[in-house]
Protein backbone atom coordinates (compact mmCIF):
# COMPACT_ATOMS: atom_id res chain seq x y z
CA UNK A 1 -11.46 -13.85 -38.35
CA UNK A 2 -10.48 -15.77 -35.20
CA UNK A 3 -10.06 -14.10 -31.86
CA UNK A 4 -6.60 -14.30 -30.37
CA UNK A 5 -6.12 -17.04 -27.76
CA UNK A 6 -5.02 -16.13 -24.27
CA UNK A 7 -3.01 -18.36 -21.96
CA UNK A 8 -4.00 -19.02 -18.35
CA UNK A 9 -0.64 -19.68 -16.71
CA UNK A 10 -2.15 -20.33 -13.27
CA UNK A 11 -4.44 -23.05 -14.62
CA UNK A 12 -1.53 -24.53 -16.59
CA UNK A 13 0.76 -24.78 -13.56
CA UNK A 14 -1.96 -25.93 -11.13
CA UNK A 15 -3.04 -28.65 -13.57
CA UNK A 16 0.58 -29.69 -14.10
CA UNK A 17 1.17 -30.14 -10.37
CA UNK A 18 -2.18 -31.90 -9.83
CA UNK A 19 -1.24 -34.44 -12.48
CA UNK A 20 2.12 -35.23 -10.88
CA UNK A 21 4.32 -33.53 -13.46
CA UNK A 22 6.88 -32.12 -11.05
CA UNK A 23 8.28 -29.74 -13.66
CA UNK A 24 7.55 -28.34 -17.07
CA UNK A 25 10.40 -30.52 -18.35
CA UNK A 26 8.65 -33.63 -16.99
CA UNK A 27 5.49 -32.63 -18.84
CA UNK A 28 7.56 -32.08 -22.00
CA UNK A 29 9.01 -35.60 -21.75
CA UNK A 30 5.52 -37.05 -21.21
CA UNK A 31 4.16 -35.52 -24.42
CA UNK A 32 7.27 -35.77 -26.57
CA UNK A 33 8.39 -32.16 -26.95
CA UNK A 34 11.62 -30.50 -25.90
CA UNK A 35 11.88 -28.97 -22.42
CA UNK A 36 12.82 -25.59 -23.90
CA UNK A 37 9.70 -25.61 -26.12
CA UNK A 38 7.55 -26.52 -23.09
CA UNK A 39 9.16 -23.68 -21.12
CA UNK A 40 8.24 -21.21 -23.86
CA UNK A 41 4.67 -22.50 -23.78
CA UNK A 42 4.54 -22.19 -19.97
CA UNK A 43 5.53 -18.53 -20.33
CA UNK A 44 2.67 -17.79 -22.73
CA UNK A 45 3.62 -18.89 -26.24
CA UNK A 46 0.56 -20.33 -27.99
CA UNK A 47 1.47 -23.72 -29.51
CA UNK A 48 -0.15 -25.35 -32.56
CA UNK A 49 -3.46 -27.18 -32.14
CA UNK A 50 -1.95 -30.67 -31.97
CA UNK A 51 0.47 -29.66 -29.18
CA UNK A 52 -2.34 -27.94 -27.25
CA UNK A 53 -4.34 -31.17 -27.49
CA UNK A 54 -1.39 -33.25 -26.18
CA UNK A 55 -0.83 -30.86 -23.27
CA UNK A 56 -4.51 -30.78 -22.33
CA UNK A 57 -4.74 -34.58 -22.49
CA UNK A 58 -1.61 -35.00 -20.33
CA UNK A 59 -3.00 -32.52 -17.80
CA UNK A 60 -6.48 -34.06 -17.85
CA UNK A 61 -8.25 -30.78 -18.59
CA UNK A 62 -10.10 -29.38 -21.61
CA UNK A 63 -8.00 -27.11 -23.82
CA UNK A 64 -10.39 -24.26 -23.10
CA UNK A 65 -9.32 -24.18 -19.44
CA UNK A 66 -5.76 -23.31 -20.43
CA UNK A 67 -6.24 -21.42 -23.70
CA UNK A 68 -9.29 -19.16 -24.08
C-alpha cells in the first residue's frame, strides 16, 4: 500500500516565482493544462504522475520537493 502524498505549497509557489512563471495560469499555459486545473493543484489537489512530472520539469525541481 502506498503512503498518501502531501503537497508543499510553499515550495510550489517559491519554485514558480523563481522560474519566472508570474502566475499559476502562466505555469498552466507552459505545461499545457487549464488554468483552473493548475489552480486546484496549487491549492493541494494531487495530480496524476504525468502532470506532476510536467510541473516539476517546468519548475526545475525534483517532484519530491513539491510532493512528498
